[in-house]
Structures are given as C-alpha cells and as structure tokens.
Amino acid sequence: MFVGHPNSGKIGYEMTLKPLEDQFTMVYYDSRGTGKSEAPKKLEDYNIDHLSKEIDLLRKKSGADKIWLFGHSDQSAVALHFAVEHPQIVSGLILTGTSFIGDMDETIKRRKDSENKRKTESEWFSQVVEDWEYMYVNKNRYRQKWKKLSCCAYKMVDL
C-alpha cells in the first residue's frame, strides 16, 4: 500500500497507520517537494498528472505489479486520479477526508446550496450565515447584539 501526502509529508501516516502493516507492505513516501523529496524545477510540475506519474514510477521501482493506495485529504484526489488512469494496476483504495474535486465556482455553488438548505432547517444556522455575510460585506468581525468570542464563534449578549 502506497501512502503519501502532497502537503504534509509522510511522518504522521507512519505513526498512525501501524495497524495496516499487519495486512499490507506499507510504502510511505514523500511526494515531490515534501520531506526528503526534492522540489520540481518548475511550479507547473506541481499537478495531479505529475503526482500520479511519480506513484507509477515508485510502483515500478518497487517491483509491484499491483498496488493499494491510501489517500487522505488532497492525496485522496491523487489516489482517485491514479486509480482512474491505471485501473489495471490498482488493487484497491482506502480514502479518508475526501471531497469532491471541481473548480472554484462548483465549490462555491455547493457551499451556497448546502447553506441555503441548512438555513431552512435551523434558525441558529440561519443566524450564523446572516452574521457571516454581514461581517464579510461590512468587513467587521462584530455585529450589533453579537459579541465576538473567536474568529468563528459568537454568543448573543444584551448590549
């Protein structure tokens, strides 16, 4: 099973995925530009196609015909991409913290649709979204009758 992460490196996985070592030969790797891996020469080389190619090069170097992939967060997108590109050499996937990968407009639309649905179901959430929008539009972290507790948590107070 290949385990990497394009942002944080491999050390956290080496410590937390020990139980999988009973079932798999684990290959923890530093993705390009993380940990002990050297950075690409061009910024354009930080892309999903290059990350996928590197996994295949690592697979070939290890001598494995088929592999499992573990992906968390951003790496889940890399693992899914690799599996779609190379279904004949992927035995399986374990994915955690996954999310839909799309463009920014799709992400914003999904968030808005989700917020609008939750606003109809929860008076509390409706108020939170209204306050977020007020703070964004007015560039103000405070609102009348609301007292700041933290960057994202607010409590109703009598003023």
C-alpha atoms as a PDB file:
ATOM      1  CA  MET A   1       0.000   0.000   0.000  1.00  0.00           C
ATOM      2  CA  PHE A   2       1.417   3.369  -1.052  1.00  0.00           C
ATOM      3  CA  VAL A   3       0.883   6.256   1.360  1.00  0.00           C
ATOM      4  CA  GLY A   4       1.900   9.821   0.600  1.00  0.00           C
ATOM      5  CA  HIS A   5       0.647  13.331   1.084  1.00  0.00           C
ATOM      6  CA  PRO A   6       1.350  16.313  -1.167  1.00  0.00           C
ATOM      7  CA  ASN A   7       1.231  18.856   1.677  1.00  0.00           C
ATOM      8  CA  SER A   8       2.415  17.488   4.985  1.00  0.00           C
ATOM      9  CA  GLY A   9       4.728  14.634   4.131  1.00  0.00           C
ATOM     10  CA  LYS A  10       4.633  11.084   5.435  1.00  0.00           C
ATOM     11  CA  ILE A  11       5.605  11.131   9.123  1.00  0.00           C
ATOM     12  CA  GLY A  12       2.064  11.359  10.516  1.00  0.00           C
ATOM     13  CA  TYR A  13       0.962   8.360   8.496  1.00  0.00           C
ATOM     14  CA  GLU A  14       3.935   6.255   9.558  1.00  0.00           C
ATOM     15  CA  MET A  15       2.815   6.773  13.141  1.00  0.00           C
ATOM     16  CA  THR A  16      -0.959   6.316  12.724  1.00  0.00           C
ATOM     17  CA  LEU A  17      -1.286   3.568  10.110  1.00  0.00           C
ATOM     18  CA  LYS A  18       0.698   0.916  12.005  1.00  0.00           C
ATOM     19  CA  PRO A  19      -2.327  -1.453  12.203  1.00  0.00           C
ATOM     20  CA  LEU A  20      -2.387  -1.689   8.387  1.00  0.00           C
ATOM     21  CA  GLU A  21       1.166  -3.042   8.465  1.00  0.00           C
ATOM     22  CA  ASP A  22      -0.291  -6.381   9.610  1.00  0.00           C
ATOM     23  CA  GLN A  23      -2.161  -6.666   6.281  1.00  0.00           C
ATOM     24  CA  PHE A  24      -0.012  -4.745   3.804  1.00  0.00           C
ATOM     25  CA  THR A  25       3.568  -3.962   2.944  1.00  0.00           C
ATOM     26  CA  MET A  26       3.373  -0.220   3.537  1.00  0.00           C
ATOM     27  CA  VAL A  27       5.336   2.204   1.351  1.00  0.00           C
ATOM     28  CA  TYR A  28       5.346   5.656   2.973  1.00  0.00           C
ATOM     29  CA  TYR A  29       6.714   8.206   0.554  1.00  0.00           C
ATOM     30  CA  ASP A  30       7.388  11.919   0.435  1.00  0.00           C
ATOM     31  CA  SER A  31       5.578  13.453  -2.529  1.00  0.00           C
ATOM     32  CA  ARG A  32       7.590  15.745  -4.739  1.00  0.00           C
ATOM     33  CA  GLY A  33       8.772  18.781  -2.769  1.00  0.00           C
ATOM     34  CA  THR A  34       7.892  17.439   0.704  1.00  0.00           C
ATOM     35  CA  GLY A  35      10.090  15.823   3.328  1.00  0.00           C
ATOM     36  CA  LYS A  36      13.280  14.474   1.773  1.00  0.00           C
ATOM     37  CA  SER A  37      11.948  14.630  -1.800  1.00  0.00           C
ATOM     38  CA  GLU A  38      13.468  17.329  -3.951  1.00  0.00           C
ATOM     39  CA  ALA A  39      11.242  20.044  -5.344  1.00  0.00           C
ATOM     40  CA  PRO A  40      10.377  20.223  -9.023  1.00  0.00           C
ATOM     41  CA  LYS A  41      12.288  22.745 -11.094  1.00  0.00           C
ATOM     42  CA  LYS A  42       9.062  24.418 -12.322  1.00  0.00           C
ATOM     43  CA  LEU A  43       5.940  25.367 -10.372  1.00  0.00           C
ATOM     44  CA  GLU A  44       3.838  23.863 -13.188  1.00  0.00           C
ATOM     45  CA  ASP A  45       5.162  20.430 -12.230  1.00  0.00           C
ATOM     46  CA  TYR A  46       3.076  20.525  -9.047  1.00  0.00           C
ATOM     47  CA  ASN A  47      -0.014  18.981 -10.614  1.00  0.00           C
ATOM     48  CA  ILE A  48      -2.068  15.827 -10.327  1.00  0.00           C
ATOM     49  CA  ASP A  49      -0.676  14.283 -13.511  1.00  0.00           C
ATOM     50  CA  HIS A  50       2.910  14.581 -12.271  1.00  0.00           C
ATOM     51  CA  LEU A  51       1.958  13.242  -8.817  1.00  0.00           C
ATOM     52  CA  SER A  52       0.239  10.293 -10.500  1.00  0.00           C
ATOM     53  CA  LYS A  53       3.268   9.602 -12.724  1.00  0.00           C
ATOM     54  CA  GLU A  54       5.515   9.621  -9.669  1.00  0.00           C
ATOM     55  CA  ILE A  55       3.346   6.999  -7.980  1.00  0.00           C
ATOM     56  CA  ASP A  56       3.671   4.782 -11.051  1.00  0.00           C
ATOM     57  CA  LEU A  57       7.446   5.284 -11.160  1.00  0.00           C
ATOM     58  CA  LEU A  58       7.622   4.348  -7.469  1.00  0.00           C
ATOM     59  CA  ARG A  59       5.441   1.282  -8.144  1.00  0.00           C
ATOM     60  CA  LYS A  60       7.742   0.168 -10.950  1.00  0.00           C
ATOM     61  CA  LYS A  61      10.858   0.791  -8.838  1.00  0.00           C
ATOM     62  CA  SER A  62       9.391  -1.331  -6.026  1.00  0.00           C
ATOM     63  CA  GLY A  63       8.704  -4.182  -8.464  1.00  0.00           C
ATOM     64  CA  ALA A  64       4.989  -4.334  -7.605  1.00  0.00           C
ATOM     65  CA  ASP A  65       2.586  -5.363 -10.357  1.00  0.00           C
ATOM     66  CA  LYS A  66      -0.481  -4.099  -8.462  1.00  0.00           C
ATOM     67  CA  ILE A  67      -0.801  -1.703  -5.543  1.00  0.00           C
ATOM     68  CA  TRP A  68      -3.237  -0.409  -2.958  1.00  0.00           C
ATOM     69  CA  LEU A  69      -3.353   3.343  -2.342  1.00  0.00           C
ATOM     70  CA  PHE A  70      -4.145   5.172   0.874  1.00  0.00           C
ATOM     71  CA  GLY A  71      -5.264   8.768   0.385  1.00  0.00           C
ATOM     72  CA  HIS A  72      -6.259  11.391   2.905  1.00  0.00           C
ATOM     73  CA  SER A  73      -7.488  14.893   2.066  1.00  0.00           C
ATOM     74  CA  ASP A  74      -5.692  16.186  -1.045  1.00  0.00           C
ATOM     75  CA  GLN A  75      -3.988  12.831  -1.520  1.00  0.00           C
ATOM     76  CA  SER A  76      -7.408  11.175  -1.895  1.00  0.00           C
ATOM     77  CA  ALA A  77      -7.827  13.117  -5.145  1.00  0.00           C
ATOM     78  CA  VAL A  78      -4.387  11.934  -6.284  1.00  0.00           C
ATOM     79  CA  ALA A  79      -5.283   8.323  -5.409  1.00  0.00           C
ATOM     80  CA  LEU A  80      -8.615   8.557  -7.255  1.00  0.00           C
ATOM     81  CA  HIS A  81      -6.922  10.104 -10.275  1.00  0.00           C
ATOM     82  CA  PHE A  82      -4.300   7.361 -10.296  1.00  0.00           C
ATOM     83  CA  ALA A  83      -6.979   4.641  -9.994  1.00  0.00           C
ATOM     84  CA  VAL A  84      -8.950   6.086 -12.930  1.00  0.00           C
ATOM     85  CA  GLU A  85      -5.801   6.370 -15.051  1.00  0.00           C
ATOM     86  CA  HIS A  86      -4.430   2.922 -14.080  1.00  0.00           C
ATOM     87  CA  PRO A  87      -7.330   0.642 -13.047  1.00  0.00           C
ATOM     88  CA  GLN A  88      -5.434  -2.472 -14.124  1.00  0.00           C
ATOM     89  CA  ILE A  89      -2.696  -1.929 -11.510  1.00  0.00           C
ATOM     90  CA  VAL A  90      -4.798  -0.720  -8.546  1.00  0.00           C
ATOM     91  CA  SER A  91      -5.953  -3.486  -6.225  1.00  0.00           C
ATOM     92  CA  GLY A  92      -7.896  -1.112  -4.003  1.00  0.00           C
ATOM     93  CA  LEU A  93      -8.133   2.241  -2.273  1.00  0.00           C
ATOM     94  CA  ILE A  94      -8.543   3.430   1.292  1.00  0.00           C
ATOM     95  CA  LEU A  95      -9.685   7.058   1.222  1.00  0.00           C
ATOM     96  CA  THR A  96     -10.326   9.377   4.160  1.00  0.00           C
ATOM     97  CA  GLY A  97     -11.207  13.049   4.344  1.00  0.00           C
ATOM     98  CA  THR A  98     -12.191  13.033   0.696  1.00  0.00           C
ATOM     99  CA  SER A  99     -14.002  15.804  -1.077  1.00  0.00           C
ATOM    100  CA  PHE A 100     -15.430  16.444  -4.494  1.00  0.00           C
ATOM    101  CA  ILE A 101     -12.820  17.886  -6.773  1.00  0.00           C
ATOM    102  CA  GLY A 102     -14.099  20.618  -9.023  1.00  0.00           C
ATOM    103  CA  ASP A 103     -13.457  24.186  -9.925  1.00  0.00           C
ATOM    104  CA  MET A 104     -13.966  27.118  -7.541  1.00  0.00           C
ATOM    105  CA  ASP A 105     -17.374  28.016  -8.997  1.00  0.00           C
ATOM    106  CA  GLU A 106     -18.634  24.467  -8.337  1.00  0.00           C
ATOM    107  CA  THR A 107     -17.260  24.564  -4.791  1.00  0.00           C
ATOM    108  CA  ILE A 108     -18.922  27.903  -4.043  1.00  0.00           C
ATOM    109  CA  LYS A 109     -22.232  26.751  -5.539  1.00  0.00           C
ATOM    110  CA  ARG A 110     -22.193  23.530  -3.459  1.00  0.00           C
ATOM    111  CA  ARG A 111     -21.438  25.501  -0.298  1.00  0.00           C
ATOM    112  CA  LYS A 112     -24.226  28.006  -1.005  1.00  0.00           C
ATOM    113  CA  ASP A 113     -26.730  25.232  -1.803  1.00  0.00           C
ATOM    114  CA  SER A 114     -25.796  23.448   1.422  1.00  0.00           C
ATOM    115  CA  GLU A 115     -26.058  26.657   3.457  1.00  0.00           C
ATOM    116  CA  ASN A 116     -29.443  27.525   1.945  1.00  0.00           C
ATOM    117  CA  LYS A 117     -30.787  24.071   2.801  1.00  0.00           C
ATOM    118  CA  ARG A 118     -29.465  24.255   6.367  1.00  0.00           C
ATOM    119  CA  LYS A 119     -30.873  27.786   6.820  1.00  0.00           C
ATOM    120  CA  THR A 120     -34.389  26.451   6.223  1.00  0.00           C
ATOM    121  CA  GLU A 121     -33.820  23.646   8.740  1.00  0.00           C
ATOM    122  CA  SER A 122     -32.119  25.591  11.529  1.00  0.00           C
ATOM    123  CA  GLU A 123     -32.862  29.047  12.905  1.00  0.00           C
ATOM    124  CA  TRP A 124     -29.479  29.016  14.639  1.00  0.00           C
ATOM    125  CA  PHE A 125     -27.603  28.230  11.413  1.00  0.00           C
ATOM    126  CA  SER A 126     -29.613  30.820   9.513  1.00  0.00           C
ATOM    127  CA  GLN A 127     -28.455  33.454  12.024  1.00  0.00           C
ATOM    128  CA  VAL A 128     -24.838  32.318  11.753  1.00  0.00           C
ATOM    129  CA  VAL A 129     -24.879  32.603   7.943  1.00  0.00           C
ATOM    130  CA  GLU A 130     -26.541  36.016   8.165  1.00  0.00           C
ATOM    131  CA  ASP A 131     -23.763  37.162  10.507  1.00  0.00           C
ATOM    132  CA  TRP A 132     -21.030  35.722   8.278  1.00  0.00           C
ATOM    133  CA  GLU A 133     -22.469  37.640   5.337  1.00  0.00           C
ATOM    134  CA  TYR A 134     -22.770  40.829   7.430  1.00  0.00           C
ATOM    135  CA  MET A 135     -19.150  40.542   8.563  1.00  0.00           C
ATOM    136  CA  TYR A 136     -17.945  39.862   5.012  1.00  0.00           C
ATOM    137  CA  VAL A 137     -19.872  42.715   3.409  1.00  0.00           C
ATOM    138  CA  ASN A 138     -19.041  45.202   6.186  1.00  0.00           C
ATOM    139  CA  LYS A 139     -15.508  43.938   6.860  1.00  0.00           C
ATOM    140  CA  ASN A 140     -16.409  43.869  10.526  1.00  0.00           C
ATOM    141  CA  ARG A 141     -15.996  40.993  12.973  1.00  0.00           C
ATOM    142  CA  TYR A 142     -18.687  42.383  15.301  1.00  0.00           C
ATOM    143  CA  ARG A 143     -22.391  42.809  14.853  1.00  0.00           C
ATOM    144  CA  GLN A 144     -24.997  44.627  16.866  1.00  0.00           C
ATOM    145  CA  LYS A 145     -26.174  42.363  19.718  1.00  0.00           C
ATOM    146  CA  TRP A 146     -23.358  39.931  18.950  1.00  0.00           C
ATOM    147  CA  LYS A 147     -20.139  39.731  20.893  1.00  0.00           C
ATOM    148  CA  LYS A 148     -17.038  38.214  19.373  1.00  0.00           C
ATOM    149  CA  LEU A 149     -15.784  35.097  21.152  1.00  0.00           C
ATOM    150  CA  SER A 150     -13.383  33.898  18.463  1.00  0.00           C
ATOM    151  CA  CYS A 151     -12.950  34.247  14.729  1.00  0.00           C
ATOM    152  CA  CYS A 152     -15.886  31.915  14.083  1.00  0.00           C
ATOM    153  CA  ALA A 153     -17.882  31.564  17.335  1.00  0.00           C
ATOM    154  CA  TYR A 154     -20.341  34.172  18.548  1.00  0.00           C
ATOM    155  CA  LYS A 155     -22.683  34.444  21.503  1.00  0.00           C
ATOM    156  CA  MET A 156     -25.823  36.564  21.832  1.00  0.00           C
ATOM    157  CA  VAL A 157     -25.456  39.228  24.538  1.00  0.00           C
ATOM    158  CA  ASP A 158     -27.609  42.084  25.718  1.00  0.00           C
ATOM    159  CA  LEU A 159     -25.997  45.391  24.856  1.00  0.00           C
END
